[in-house]
């Protein structure tokens, strides 16, 4: 199973390499720069979505959190 996943990943990487090389007219340096730029942009977008989800979860938690009851046990 691990070998099949690794092989599929390697195939996907090869496809991406070919696509980046094609779009940069075979210039390996330009293809690498474009791939890195795309990866960094994806990482930034992923981080922004994660932060937005964390904020939404935090707001949902605080809205649904019950207020503590004051029982008056301290004065007894």
PDB file of N, CA and C in Angstrom:
ATOM      1  N   UNK A   1       0.828  -1.194   0.000  1.00  0.00           N
ATOM      2  CA  UNK A   1       0.000   0.000   0.000  1.00  0.00           C
ATOM      3  C   UNK A   1       0.871   1.256   0.000  1.00  0.00           C
ATOM      4  N   UNK A   2       1.906   1.276   0.833  1.00  0.00           N
ATOM      5  CA  UNK A   2       2.792   2.436   0.904  1.00  0.00           C
ATOM      6  C   UNK A   2       3.492   2.642  -0.432  1.00  0.00           C
ATOM      7  N   UNK A   3       3.911   1.558  -1.066  1.00  0.00           N
ATOM      8  CA  UNK A   3       4.586   1.674  -2.363  1.00  0.00           C
ATOM      9  C   UNK A   3       3.649   2.234  -3.427  1.00  0.00           C
ATOM     10  N   UNK A   4       2.381   1.834  -3.398  1.00  0.00           N
ATOM     11  CA  UNK A   4       1.412   2.333  -4.373  1.00  0.00           C
ATOM     12  C   UNK A   4       1.189   3.830  -4.191  1.00  0.00           C
ATOM     13  N   UNK A   5       1.114   4.259  -2.942  1.00  0.00           N
ATOM     14  CA  UNK A   5       0.930   5.688  -2.663  1.00  0.00           C
ATOM     15  C   UNK A   5       2.153   6.471  -3.116  1.00  0.00           C
ATOM     16  N   UNK A   6       3.335   5.952  -2.824  1.00  0.00           N
ATOM     17  CA  UNK A   6       4.568   6.628  -3.232  1.00  0.00           C
ATOM     18  C   UNK A   6       4.671   6.697  -4.752  1.00  0.00           C
ATOM     19  N   UNK A   7       4.272   5.633  -5.432  1.00  0.00           N
ATOM     20  CA  UNK A   7       4.320   5.626  -6.893  1.00  0.00           C
ATOM     21  C   UNK A   7       3.335   6.636  -7.475  1.00  0.00           C
ATOM     22  N   UNK A   8       2.150   6.701  -6.906  1.00  0.00           N
ATOM     23  CA  UNK A   8       1.153   7.666  -7.379  1.00  0.00           C
ATOM     24  C   UNK A   8       1.637   9.089  -7.150  1.00  0.00           C
ATOM     25  N   UNK A   9       2.268   9.318  -6.006  1.00  0.00           N
ATOM     26  CA  UNK A   9       2.797  10.651  -5.705  1.00  0.00           C
ATOM     27  C   UNK A   9       3.912  11.009  -6.681  1.00  0.00           C
ATOM     28  N   UNK A  10       4.779  10.046  -6.979  1.00  0.00           N
ATOM     29  CA  UNK A  10       5.867  10.292  -7.923  1.00  0.00           C
ATOM     30  C   UNK A  10       5.313  10.607  -9.306  1.00  0.00           C
ATOM     31  N   UNK A  11       4.257   9.894  -9.714  1.00  0.00           N
ATOM     32  CA  UNK A  11       3.629  10.178 -11.009  1.00  0.00           C
ATOM     33  C   UNK A  11       3.055  11.587 -11.033  1.00  0.00           C
ATOM     34  N   UNK A  12       2.406  11.991  -9.951  1.00  0.00           N
ATOM     35  CA  UNK A  12       1.826  13.334  -9.875  1.00  0.00           C
ATOM     36  C   UNK A  12       2.921  14.394  -9.934  1.00  0.00           C
ATOM     37  N   UNK A  13       4.034  14.130  -9.272  1.00  0.00           N
ATOM     38  CA  UNK A  13       5.159  15.075  -9.295  1.00  0.00           C
ATOM     39  C   UNK A  13       5.708  15.187 -10.712  1.00  0.00           C
ATOM     40  N   UNK A  14       5.849  14.055 -11.391  1.00  0.00           N
ATOM     41  CA  UNK A  14       6.354  14.086 -12.765  1.00  0.00           C
ATOM     42  C   UNK A  14       5.435  14.895 -13.683  1.00  0.00           C
ATOM     43  N   UNK A  15       4.136  14.749 -13.503  1.00  0.00           N
ATOM     44  CA  UNK A  15       3.176  15.514 -14.307  1.00  0.00           C
ATOM     45  C   UNK A  15       3.348  17.006 -14.035  1.00  0.00           C
ATOM     46  N   UNK A  16       3.471  17.370 -12.767  1.00  0.00           N
ATOM     47  CA  UNK A  16       3.658  18.787 -12.424  1.00  0.00           C
ATOM     48  C   UNK A  16       4.962  19.336 -12.998  1.00  0.00           C
ATOM     49  N   UNK A  17       6.026  18.555 -12.909  1.00  0.00           N
ATOM     50  CA  UNK A  17       7.317  18.992 -13.455  1.00  0.00           C
ATOM     51  C   UNK A  17       7.176  19.273 -14.944  1.00  0.00           C
ATOM     52  N   UNK A  18       6.548  18.352 -15.656  1.00  0.00           N
ATOM     53  CA  UNK A  18       6.363  18.542 -17.096  1.00  0.00           C
ATOM     54  C   UNK A  18       5.529  19.784 -17.393  1.00  0.00           C
ATOM     55  N   UNK A  19       4.480  20.007 -16.618  1.00  0.00           N
ATOM     56  CA  UNK A  19       3.630  21.179 -16.846  1.00  0.00           C
ATOM     57  C   UNK A  19       4.389  22.479 -16.595  1.00  0.00           C
ATOM     58  N   UNK A  20       5.157  22.529 -15.516  1.00  0.00           N
ATOM     59  CA  UNK A  20       5.926  23.743 -15.239  1.00  0.00           C
ATOM     60  C   UNK A  20       7.002  23.964 -16.297  1.00  0.00           C
ATOM     61  N   UNK A  21       7.645  22.892 -16.745  1.00  0.00           N
ATOM     62  CA  UNK A  21       8.650  23.038 -17.800  1.00  0.00           C
ATOM     63  C   UNK A  21       8.018  23.497 -19.109  1.00  0.00           C
ATOM     64  N   UNK A  22       6.847  22.964 -19.417  1.00  0.00           N
ATOM     65  CA  UNK A  22       6.164  23.373 -20.649  1.00  0.00           C
ATOM     66  C   UNK A  22       5.791  24.852 -20.609  1.00  0.00           C
ATOM     67  N   UNK A  23       5.267  25.306 -19.468  1.00  0.00           N
ATOM     68  CA  UNK A  23       4.841  26.712 -19.384  1.00  0.00           C
ATOM     69  C   UNK A  23       6.027  27.672 -19.374  1.00  0.00           C
ATOM     70  N   UNK A  24       7.203  27.173 -19.012  1.00  0.00           N
ATOM     71  CA  UNK A  24       8.391  28.038 -18.997  1.00  0.00           C
ATOM     72  C   UNK A  24       9.303  27.758 -20.194  1.00  0.00           C
ATOM     73  N   UNK A  25       8.748  27.113 -21.224  1.00  0.00           N
ATOM     74  CA  UNK A  25       9.497  26.828 -22.464  1.00  0.00           C
ATOM     75  C   UNK A  25      10.789  26.062 -22.203  1.00  0.00           C
ATOM     76  N   UNK A  26      10.746  25.127 -21.261  1.00  0.00           N
ATOM     77  CA  UNK A  26      11.898  24.275 -20.994  1.00  0.00           C
ATOM     78  C   UNK A  26      12.952  24.886 -20.093  1.00  0.00           C
ATOM     79  N   UNK A  27      12.751  26.093 -19.625  1.00  0.00           N
ATOM     80  CA  UNK A  27      13.714  26.756 -18.745  1.00  0.00           C
ATOM     81  C   UNK A  27      13.509  26.221 -17.329  1.00  0.00           C
ATOM     82  N   UNK A  28      14.435  25.386 -16.880  1.00  0.00           N
ATOM     83  CA  UNK A  28      14.291  24.716 -15.587  1.00  0.00           C
ATOM     84  C   UNK A  28      14.292  25.703 -14.422  1.00  0.00           C
ATOM     85  N   UNK A  29      15.112  26.737 -14.504  1.00  0.00           N
ATOM     86  CA  UNK A  29      15.175  27.721 -13.418  1.00  0.00           C
ATOM     87  C   UNK A  29      13.852  28.474 -13.317  1.00  0.00           C
ATOM     88  N   UNK A  30      13.312  28.890 -14.450  1.00  0.00           N
ATOM     89  CA  UNK A  30      12.026  29.594 -14.440  1.00  0.00           C
ATOM     90  C   UNK A  30      10.915  28.679 -13.942  1.00  0.00           C
ATOM     91  N   UNK A  31      10.958  27.415 -14.344  1.00  0.00           N
ATOM     92  CA  UNK A  31       9.949  26.453 -13.892  1.00  0.00           C
ATOM     93  C   UNK A  31      10.023  26.265 -12.382  1.00  0.00           C
ATOM     94  N   UNK A  32      11.236  26.155 -11.856  1.00  0.00           N
ATOM     95  CA  UNK A  32      11.412  25.991 -10.414  1.00  0.00           C
ATOM     96  C   UNK A  32      10.927  27.226  -9.661  1.00  0.00           C
ATOM     97  N   UNK A  33      11.265  28.398 -10.162  1.00  0.00           N
ATOM     98  CA  UNK A  33      10.797  29.636  -9.518  1.00  0.00           C
ATOM     99  C   UNK A  33       9.273  29.717  -9.505  1.00  0.00           C
ATOM    100  N   UNK A  34       8.649  29.344 -10.620  1.00  0.00           N
ATOM    101  CA  UNK A  34       7.195  29.375 -10.711  1.00  0.00           C
ATOM    102  C   UNK A  34       6.576  28.360  -9.746  1.00  0.00           C
ATOM    103  N   UNK A  35       7.160  27.168  -9.673  1.00  0.00           N
ATOM    104  CA  UNK A  35       6.647  26.135  -8.765  1.00  0.00           C
ATOM    105  C   UNK A  35       6.760  26.582  -7.307  1.00  0.00           C
ATOM    106  N   UNK A  36       7.887  27.176  -6.957  1.00  0.00           N
ATOM    107  CA  UNK A  36       8.076  27.653  -5.583  1.00  0.00           C
ATOM    108  C   UNK A  36       7.109  28.789  -5.276  1.00  0.00           C
ATOM    109  N   UNK A  37       6.944  29.699  -6.214  1.00  0.00           N
ATOM    110  CA  UNK A  37       6.005  30.806  -6.024  1.00  0.00           C
ATOM    111  C   UNK A  37       4.587  30.285  -5.811  1.00  0.00           C
ATOM    112  N   UNK A  38       4.175  29.319  -6.630  1.00  0.00           N
ATOM    113  CA  UNK A  38       2.841  28.730  -6.471  1.00  0.00           C
ATOM    114  C   UNK A  38       2.698  28.029  -5.123  1.00  0.00           C
ATOM    115  N   UNK A  39       3.739  27.305  -4.709  1.00  0.00           N
ATOM    116  CA  UNK A  39       3.686  26.589  -3.429  1.00  0.00           C
ATOM    117  C   UNK A  39       3.582  27.565  -2.261  1.00  0.00           C
ATOM    118  N   UNK A  40       4.336  28.651  -2.318  1.00  0.00           N
ATOM    119  CA  UNK A  40       4.270  29.654  -1.251  1.00  0.00           C
ATOM    120  C   UNK A  40       2.897  30.316  -1.200  1.00  0.00           C
ATOM    121  N   UNK A  41       2.337  30.628  -2.364  1.00  0.00           N
ATOM    122  CA  UNK A  41       1.006  31.231  -2.405  1.00  0.00           C
ATOM    123  C   UNK A  41      -0.032  30.262  -1.832  1.00  0.00           C
ATOM    124  N   UNK A  42       0.079  28.977  -2.179  1.00  0.00           N
ATOM    125  CA  UNK A  42      -0.837  27.971  -1.627  1.00  0.00           C
ATOM    126  C   UNK A  42      -0.704  27.883  -0.112  1.00  0.00           C
ATOM    127  N   UNK A  43       0.531  27.962   0.386  1.00  0.00           N
ATOM    128  CA  UNK A  43       0.747  27.893   1.833  1.00  0.00           C
ATOM    129  C   UNK A  43       0.123  29.095   2.536  1.00  0.00           C
ATOM    130  N   UNK A  44       0.259  30.274   1.952  1.00  0.00           N
ATOM    131  CA  UNK A  44      -0.336  31.483   2.534  1.00  0.00           C
ATOM    132  C   UNK A  44      -1.856  31.355   2.557  1.00  0.00           C
ATOM    133  N   UNK A  45      -2.446  30.915   1.448  1.00  0.00           N
ATOM    134  CA  UNK A  45      -3.900  30.756   1.384  1.00  0.00           C
ATOM    135  C   UNK A  45      -4.387  29.707   2.382  1.00  0.00           C
ATOM    136  N   UNK A  46      -3.637  28.623   2.523  1.00  0.00           N
ATOM    137  CA  UNK A  46      -3.998  27.579   3.488  1.00  0.00           C
ATOM    138  C   UNK A  46      -3.960  28.134   4.903  1.00  0.00           C
ATOM    139  N   UNK A  47      -2.938  28.898   5.215  1.00  0.00           N
ATOM    140  CA  UNK A  47      -2.816  29.497   6.543  1.00  0.00           C
ATOM    141  C   UNK A  47      -3.970  30.466   6.816  1.00  0.00           C
ATOM    142  N   UNK A  48      -4.334  31.248   5.806  1.00  0.00           N
ATOM    143  CA  UNK A  48      -5.443  32.190   5.971  1.00  0.00           C
ATOM    144  C   UNK A  48      -6.757  31.453   6.213  1.00  0.00           C
ATOM    145  N   UNK A  49      -6.984  30.352   5.481  1.00  0.00           N
ATOM    146  CA  UNK A  49      -8.209  29.567   5.696  1.00  0.00           C
ATOM    147  C   UNK A  49      -8.209  28.938   7.080  1.00  0.00           C
ATOM    148  N   UNK A  50      -7.048  28.453   7.537  1.00  0.00           N
ATOM    149  CA  UNK A  50      -6.946  27.867   8.869  1.00  0.00           C
ATOM    150  C   UNK A  50      -7.245  28.908   9.941  1.00  0.00           C
ATOM    151  N   UNK A  51      -6.674  30.096   9.807  1.00  0.00           N
ATOM    152  CA  UNK A  51      -6.923  31.155  10.787  1.00  0.00           C
ATOM    153  C   UNK A  51      -8.394  31.564  10.794  1.00  0.00           C
ATOM    154  N   UNK A  52      -9.012  31.632   9.619  1.00  0.00           N
ATOM    155  CA  UNK A  52     -10.436  31.975   9.548  1.00  0.00           C
ATOM    156  C   UNK A  52     -11.281  30.897  10.219  1.00  0.00           C
ATOM    157  N   UNK A  53     -10.924  29.637  10.015  1.00  0.00           N
ATOM    158  CA  UNK A  53     -11.663  28.540  10.648  1.00  0.00           C
ATOM    159  C   UNK A  53     -11.487  28.573  12.160  1.00  0.00           C
ATOM    160  N   UNK A  54     -10.273  28.886  12.619  1.00  0.00           N
ATOM    161  CA  UNK A  54     -10.037  28.979  14.059  1.00  0.00           C
ATOM    162  C   UNK A  54     -10.855  30.114  14.673  1.00  0.00           C
ATOM    163  N   UNK A  55     -10.925  31.253  13.973  1.00  0.00           N
ATOM    164  CA  UNK A  55     -11.728  32.370  14.479  1.00  0.00           C
ATOM    165  C   UNK A  55     -13.203  31.999  14.526  1.00  0.00           C
ATOM    166  N   UNK A  56     -13.687  31.328  13.491  1.00  0.00           N
ATOM    167  CA  UNK A  56     -15.097  30.932  13.451  1.00  0.00           C
ATOM    168  C   UNK A  56     -15.406  29.938  14.562  1.00  0.00           C
ATOM    169  N   UNK A  57     -14.502  28.991  14.794  1.00  0.00           N
ATOM    170  CA  UNK A  57     -14.718  28.017  15.863  1.00  0.00           C
ATOM    171  C   UNK A  57     -14.690  28.701  17.216  1.00  0.00           C
ATOM    172  N   UNK A  58     -13.789  29.653  17.389  1.00  0.00           N
ATOM    173  CA  UNK A  58     -13.697  30.366  18.657  1.00  0.00           C
ATOM    174  C   UNK A  58     -14.959  31.170  18.921  1.00  0.00           C
ATOM    175  N   UNK A  59     -15.463  31.862  17.895  1.00  0.00           N
ATOM    176  CA  UNK A  59     -16.701  32.628  18.064  1.00  0.00           C
ATOM    177  C   UNK A  59     -17.866  31.703  18.385  1.00  0.00           C
ATOM    178  N   UNK A  60     -17.934  30.563  17.701  1.00  0.00           N
ATOM    179  CA  UNK A  60     -19.011  29.611  17.966  1.00  0.00           C
ATOM    180  C   UNK A  60     -18.932  29.054  19.368  1.00  0.00           C
ATOM    181  N   UNK A  61     -17.723  28.811  19.850  1.00  0.00           N
ATOM    182  CA  UNK A  61     -17.552  28.276  21.198  1.00  0.00           C
ATOM    183  C   UNK A  61     -17.991  29.295  22.237  1.00  0.00           C
ATOM    184  N   UNK A  62     -17.571  30.535  22.072  1.00  0.00           N
ATOM    185  CA  UNK A  62     -17.918  31.541  23.085  1.00  0.00           C
ATOM    186  C   UNK A  62     -19.393  31.888  23.048  1.00  0.00           C
ATOM    187  N   UNK A  63     -20.029  31.787  21.893  1.00  0.00           N
ATOM    188  CA  UNK A  63     -21.467  32.059  21.819  1.00  0.00           C
ATOM    189  C   UNK A  63     -22.282  30.977  22.511  1.00  0.00           C
ATOM    190  N   UNK A  64     -21.808  29.735  22.467  1.00  0.00           N
ATOM    191  CA  UNK A  64     -22.575  28.627  23.013  1.00  0.00           C
ATOM    192  C   UNK A  64     -22.142  28.238  24.415  1.00  0.00           C
ATOM    193  N   UNK A  65     -21.114  28.872  24.941  1.00  0.00           N
ATOM    194  CA  UNK A  65     -20.627  28.531  26.265  1.00  0.00           C
ATOM    195  C   UNK A  65     -21.608  29.047  27.313  1.00  0.00           C
ATOM    196  N   UNK A  66     -22.081  28.177  28.194  1.00  0.00           N
ATOM    197  CA  UNK A  66     -23.025  28.638  29.221  1.00  0.00           C
ATOM    198  C   UNK A  66     -22.329  29.561  30.216  1.00  0.00           C
ATOM    199  N   UNK A  67     -23.074  30.492  30.711  1.00  0.00           N
ATOM    200  CA  UNK A  67     -22.548  31.408  31.715  1.00  0.00           C
ATOM    201  C   UNK A  67     -22.472  30.676  33.048  1.00  0.00           C
ATOM    202  N   UNK A  68     -21.419  30.871  33.823  1.00  0.00           N
ATOM    203  CA  UNK A  68     -21.327  30.200  35.129  1.00  0.00           C
ATOM    204  C   UNK A  68     -22.397  30.726  36.076  1.00  0.00           C
ATOM    205  N   UNK A  69     -22.943  29.832  36.844  1.00  0.00           N
ATOM    206  CA  UNK A  69     -23.977  30.229  37.808  1.00  0.00           C
ATOM    207  C   UNK A  69     -23.332  30.663  39.107  1.00  0.00           C
ATOM    208  N   UNK A  70     -23.850  31.699  39.663  1.00  0.00           N
ATOM    209  CA  UNK A  70     -23.379  32.182  40.957  1.00  0.00           C
ATOM    210  C   UNK A  70     -24.272  31.547  42.019  1.00  0.00           C
ATOM    211  N   UNK A  71     -23.722  30.610  42.769  1.00  0.00           N
ATOM    212  CA  UNK A  71     -24.537  29.880  43.748  1.00  0.00           C
ATOM    213  C   UNK A  71     -24.532  30.528  45.118  1.00  0.00           C
ATOM    214  N   UNK A  72     -23.642  31.438  45.345  1.00  0.00           N
ATOM    215  CA  UNK A  72     -23.592  32.094  46.644  1.00  0.00           C
ATOM    216  C   UNK A  72     -22.949  31.243  47.723  1.00  0.00           C
ATOM    217  N   UNK A  73     -22.186  30.227  47.345  1.00  0.00           N
ATOM    218  CA  UNK A  73     -21.555  29.353  48.341  1.00  0.00           C
ATOM    219  C   UNK A  73     -20.431  30.055  49.086  1.00  0.00           C
ATOM    220  N   UNK A  74     -19.871  31.099  48.524  1.00  0.00           N
ATOM    221  CA  UNK A  74     -18.762  31.783  49.182  1.00  0.00           C
ATOM    222  C   UNK A  74     -19.220  32.520  50.438  1.00  0.00           C
ATOM    223  N   UNK A  75     -20.468  32.951  50.492  1.00  0.00           N
ATOM    224  CA  UNK A  75     -20.939  33.711  51.653  1.00  0.00           C
ATOM    225  C   UNK A  75     -21.443  32.807  52.773  1.00  0.00           C
ATOM    226  N   UNK A  76     -21.508  31.515  52.534  1.00  0.00           N
ATOM    227  CA  UNK A  76     -22.061  30.613  53.559  1.00  0.00           C
ATOM    228  C   UNK A  76     -21.044  30.149  54.527  1.00  0.00           C
TER     229      UNK A  76
END
